[in-house]
Amino acid sequence: MSSSDLVKDIDDLKEVLGIVTDKVPGILRGLRDVLYSKDAAENMADAVATFYKRLVDAGIPKEQAMDMTRGYMINLDDEDD
């Protein structure tokens, strides 16, 4: 590899790293906003409440339904990771 090829490769790498530096923070902020938005919280709350209500409606004792719902909520949270 000639020194001019090496210089070109270094310049190309600098350009790529510059683009990554500019774009990645915005992408991460966008993902955070989607995962932790008001809409996401409302959807999770609706899902958890529906899960609990259906367990209770099906005759599961409230304390057991609450324990099952906690497990369900943890699983929902783990799916977002």
N, C-alpha and C. Protein backbone atom coordinates (compact mmCIF):
# COMPACT_ATOMS: atom_id res chain seq x y z
N MET A 1 0.85 -1.17 0.00
CA MET A 1 0.00 0.00 0.00
C MET A 1 0.90 1.23 0.00
N SER A 2 0.64 2.14 -0.91
CA SER A 2 1.46 3.34 -1.02
C SER A 2 1.03 4.36 0.04
N SER A 3 1.86 5.33 0.28
CA SER A 3 1.54 6.35 1.29
C SER A 3 0.33 7.18 0.86
N SER A 4 0.14 7.37 -0.45
CA SER A 4 -1.03 8.13 -0.91
C SER A 4 -2.32 7.33 -0.66
N ASP A 5 -2.24 5.99 -0.82
CA ASP A 5 -3.41 5.16 -0.51
C ASP A 5 -3.73 5.22 0.98
N LEU A 6 -2.71 5.21 1.81
CA LEU A 6 -2.89 5.27 3.25
C LEU A 6 -3.52 6.61 3.65
N VAL A 7 -3.04 7.68 3.06
CA VAL A 7 -3.59 9.01 3.35
C VAL A 7 -5.07 9.05 2.93
N LYS A 8 -5.39 8.49 1.75
CA LYS A 8 -6.78 8.47 1.29
C LYS A 8 -7.64 7.66 2.25
N ASP A 9 -7.14 6.49 2.70
CA ASP A 9 -7.88 5.66 3.65
C ASP A 9 -8.12 6.41 4.97
N ILE A 10 -7.11 7.13 5.42
CA ILE A 10 -7.26 7.90 6.66
C ILE A 10 -8.27 9.01 6.48
N ASP A 11 -8.22 9.69 5.34
CA ASP A 11 -9.20 10.74 5.06
C ASP A 11 -10.61 10.18 4.97
N ASP A 12 -10.75 9.01 4.34
CA ASP A 12 -12.06 8.36 4.26
C ASP A 12 -12.57 8.01 5.66
N LEU A 13 -11.69 7.49 6.49
CA LEU A 13 -12.07 7.13 7.85
C LEU A 13 -12.50 8.36 8.64
N LYS A 14 -11.76 9.47 8.49
CA LYS A 14 -12.13 10.72 9.16
C LYS A 14 -13.52 11.17 8.73
N GLU A 15 -13.81 11.04 7.44
CA GLU A 15 -15.11 11.45 6.92
C GLU A 15 -16.22 10.59 7.52
N VAL A 16 -16.00 9.28 7.56
CA VAL A 16 -17.00 8.37 8.12
C VAL A 16 -17.21 8.66 9.61
N LEU A 17 -16.13 8.83 10.33
CA LEU A 17 -16.25 9.12 11.77
C LEU A 17 -16.94 10.46 12.02
N GLY A 18 -16.71 11.42 11.15
CA GLY A 18 -17.40 12.71 11.27
C GLY A 18 -18.91 12.55 11.09
N ILE A 19 -19.29 11.75 10.11
CA ILE A 19 -20.72 11.50 9.87
C ILE A 19 -21.33 10.76 11.06
N VAL A 20 -20.64 9.74 11.55
CA VAL A 20 -21.13 8.98 12.69
C VAL A 20 -21.29 9.89 13.90
N THR A 21 -20.30 10.74 14.15
CA THR A 21 -20.35 11.67 15.27
C THR A 21 -21.54 12.61 15.16
N ASP A 22 -21.86 13.03 13.95
CA ASP A 22 -23.00 13.93 13.74
C ASP A 22 -24.34 13.22 13.87
N LYS A 23 -24.44 12.01 13.38
CA LYS A 23 -25.73 11.32 13.26
C LYS A 23 -26.13 10.48 14.48
N VAL A 24 -25.19 9.79 15.08
CA VAL A 24 -25.52 8.83 16.15
C VAL A 24 -26.23 9.48 17.34
N PRO A 25 -25.77 10.63 17.85
CA PRO A 25 -26.49 11.21 18.99
C PRO A 25 -27.97 11.49 18.69
N GLY A 26 -28.26 11.97 17.50
CA GLY A 26 -29.65 12.22 17.13
C GLY A 26 -30.46 10.94 17.04
N ILE A 27 -29.86 9.89 16.51
CA ILE A 27 -30.54 8.60 16.42
C ILE A 27 -30.84 8.06 17.82
N LEU A 28 -29.87 8.16 18.71
CA LEU A 28 -30.08 7.69 20.09
C LEU A 28 -31.16 8.49 20.81
N ARG A 29 -31.17 9.81 20.62
CA ARG A 29 -32.22 10.64 21.21
C ARG A 29 -33.59 10.24 20.67
N GLY A 30 -33.65 9.98 19.38
CA GLY A 30 -34.92 9.56 18.78
C GLY A 30 -35.41 8.24 19.34
N LEU A 31 -34.52 7.28 19.51
CA LEU A 31 -34.90 6.00 20.11
C LEU A 31 -35.37 6.18 21.54
N ARG A 32 -34.65 6.99 22.30
CA ARG A 32 -35.06 7.25 23.69
C ARG A 32 -36.45 7.86 23.73
N ASP A 33 -36.71 8.82 22.86
CA ASP A 33 -38.01 9.48 22.85
C ASP A 33 -39.14 8.51 22.50
N VAL A 34 -38.86 7.57 21.61
CA VAL A 34 -39.88 6.57 21.25
C VAL A 34 -40.13 5.62 22.41
N LEU A 35 -39.07 5.16 23.04
CA LEU A 35 -39.21 4.17 24.12
C LEU A 35 -39.79 4.76 25.38
N TYR A 36 -39.51 6.01 25.66
CA TYR A 36 -39.93 6.62 26.92
C TYR A 36 -40.89 7.78 26.72
N SER A 37 -41.66 7.73 25.67
CA SER A 37 -42.62 8.78 25.39
C SER A 37 -43.89 8.58 26.21
N LYS A 38 -44.70 9.62 26.25
CA LYS A 38 -45.99 9.54 26.92
C LYS A 38 -46.85 8.44 26.28
N ASP A 39 -46.83 8.36 24.97
CA ASP A 39 -47.60 7.33 24.27
C ASP A 39 -47.16 5.93 24.65
N ALA A 40 -45.84 5.72 24.74
CA ALA A 40 -45.33 4.40 25.12
C ALA A 40 -45.76 4.05 26.54
N ALA A 41 -45.71 5.03 27.43
CA ALA A 41 -46.13 4.79 28.82
C ALA A 41 -47.62 4.47 28.88
N GLU A 42 -48.42 5.19 28.13
CA GLU A 42 -49.87 4.95 28.12
C GLU A 42 -50.18 3.55 27.56
N ASN A 43 -49.49 3.17 26.50
CA ASN A 43 -49.71 1.84 25.91
C ASN A 43 -49.33 0.73 26.88
N MET A 44 -48.22 0.91 27.60
CA MET A 44 -47.80 -0.09 28.57
C MET A 44 -48.81 -0.16 29.71
N ALA A 45 -49.25 0.99 30.20
CA ALA A 45 -50.23 1.02 31.29
C ALA A 45 -51.53 0.33 30.87
N ASP A 46 -51.99 0.60 29.65
CA ASP A 46 -53.20 -0.04 29.15
C ASP A 46 -53.04 -1.56 29.07
N ALA A 47 -51.89 -2.00 28.59
CA ALA A 47 -51.64 -3.44 28.47
C ALA A 47 -51.61 -4.11 29.84
N VAL A 48 -50.95 -3.48 30.79
CA VAL A 48 -50.84 -4.05 32.14
C VAL A 48 -52.22 -4.07 32.81
N ALA A 49 -52.96 -2.98 32.69
CA ALA A 49 -54.29 -2.91 33.31
C ALA A 49 -55.23 -3.95 32.70
N THR A 50 -55.18 -4.12 31.41
CA THR A 50 -56.02 -5.12 30.74
C THR A 50 -55.65 -6.52 31.19
N PHE A 51 -54.36 -6.80 31.29
CA PHE A 51 -53.89 -8.11 31.75
C PHE A 51 -54.42 -8.40 33.15
N TYR A 52 -54.26 -7.46 34.06
CA TYR A 52 -54.75 -7.65 35.44
C TYR A 52 -56.26 -7.85 35.47
N LYS A 53 -56.98 -6.99 34.78
CA LYS A 53 -58.45 -7.07 34.78
C LYS A 53 -58.93 -8.42 34.25
N ARG A 54 -58.33 -8.89 33.20
CA ARG A 54 -58.75 -10.18 32.64
C ARG A 54 -58.45 -11.34 33.58
N LEU A 55 -57.34 -11.26 34.29
CA LEU A 55 -57.05 -12.31 35.28
C LEU A 55 -58.11 -12.31 36.38
N VAL A 56 -58.41 -11.14 36.91
CA VAL A 56 -59.41 -11.03 37.97
C VAL A 56 -60.78 -11.46 37.45
N ASP A 57 -61.14 -11.03 36.26
CA ASP A 57 -62.43 -11.42 35.66
C ASP A 57 -62.52 -12.92 35.45
N ALA A 58 -61.37 -13.56 35.26
CA ALA A 58 -61.35 -15.01 35.05
C ALA A 58 -61.37 -15.79 36.36
N GLY A 59 -61.41 -15.05 37.48
CA GLY A 59 -61.52 -15.72 38.77
C GLY A 59 -60.21 -15.89 39.53
N ILE A 60 -59.13 -15.35 39.03
CA ILE A 60 -57.86 -15.42 39.74
C ILE A 60 -57.95 -14.48 40.95
N PRO A 61 -57.53 -14.93 42.13
CA PRO A 61 -57.54 -14.04 43.30
C PRO A 61 -56.70 -12.78 43.03
N LYS A 62 -57.16 -11.65 43.58
CA LYS A 62 -56.51 -10.37 43.27
C LYS A 62 -55.02 -10.35 43.62
N GLU A 63 -54.64 -10.93 44.74
CA GLU A 63 -53.23 -10.92 45.12
C GLU A 63 -52.39 -11.73 44.12
N GLN A 64 -52.90 -12.87 43.72
CA GLN A 64 -52.19 -13.70 42.73
C GLN A 64 -52.16 -12.98 41.38
N ALA A 65 -53.26 -12.36 41.02
CA ALA A 65 -53.32 -11.60 39.76
C ALA A 65 -52.31 -10.46 39.77
N MET A 66 -52.14 -9.82 40.93
CA MET A 66 -51.17 -8.73 41.04
C MET A 66 -49.75 -9.27 40.86
N ASP A 67 -49.45 -10.41 41.46
CA ASP A 67 -48.12 -11.01 41.29
C ASP A 67 -47.87 -11.37 39.83
N MET A 68 -48.87 -11.96 39.20
CA MET A 68 -48.74 -12.33 37.79
C MET A 68 -48.56 -11.08 36.92
N THR A 69 -49.27 -10.02 37.28
CA THR A 69 -49.20 -8.77 36.52
C THR A 69 -47.82 -8.14 36.66
N ARG A 70 -47.24 -8.21 37.85
CA ARG A 70 -45.88 -7.70 38.03
C ARG A 70 -44.91 -8.43 37.10
N GLY A 71 -45.04 -9.75 37.04
CA GLY A 71 -44.19 -10.52 36.13
C GLY A 71 -44.41 -10.14 34.68
N TYR A 72 -45.66 -9.93 34.32
CA TYR A 72 -45.99 -9.52 32.95
C TYR A 72 -45.36 -8.17 32.64
N MET A 73 -45.45 -7.24 33.60
CA MET A 73 -44.91 -5.90 33.39
C MET A 73 -43.38 -5.96 33.24
N ILE A 74 -42.73 -6.79 34.02
CA ILE A 74 -41.27 -6.94 33.90
C ILE A 74 -40.92 -7.49 32.52
N ASN A 75 -41.71 -8.46 32.05
CA ASN A 75 -41.46 -9.02 30.71
C ASN A 75 -41.67 -7.97 29.62
N LEU A 76 -42.69 -7.12 29.77
CA LEU A 76 -42.90 -6.05 28.79
C LEU A 76 -41.71 -5.12 28.76
N ASP A 77 -41.21 -4.77 29.95
CA ASP A 77 -40.07 -3.86 30.04
C ASP A 77 -38.83 -4.49 29.43
N ASP A 78 -38.63 -5.79 29.66
CA ASP A 78 -37.46 -6.50 29.11
C ASP A 78 -37.50 -6.56 27.58
N GLU A 79 -38.70 -6.63 27.00
CA GLU A 79 -38.82 -6.68 25.54
C GLU A 79 -38.36 -5.38 24.90
N ASP A 80 -38.44 -4.26 25.65
CA ASP A 80 -38.02 -2.97 25.10
C ASP A 80 -36.52 -2.84 25.06
N ASP A 81 -35.79 -3.65 25.80
CA ASP A 81 -34.33 -3.54 25.84
C ASP A 81 -33.67 -4.19 24.69
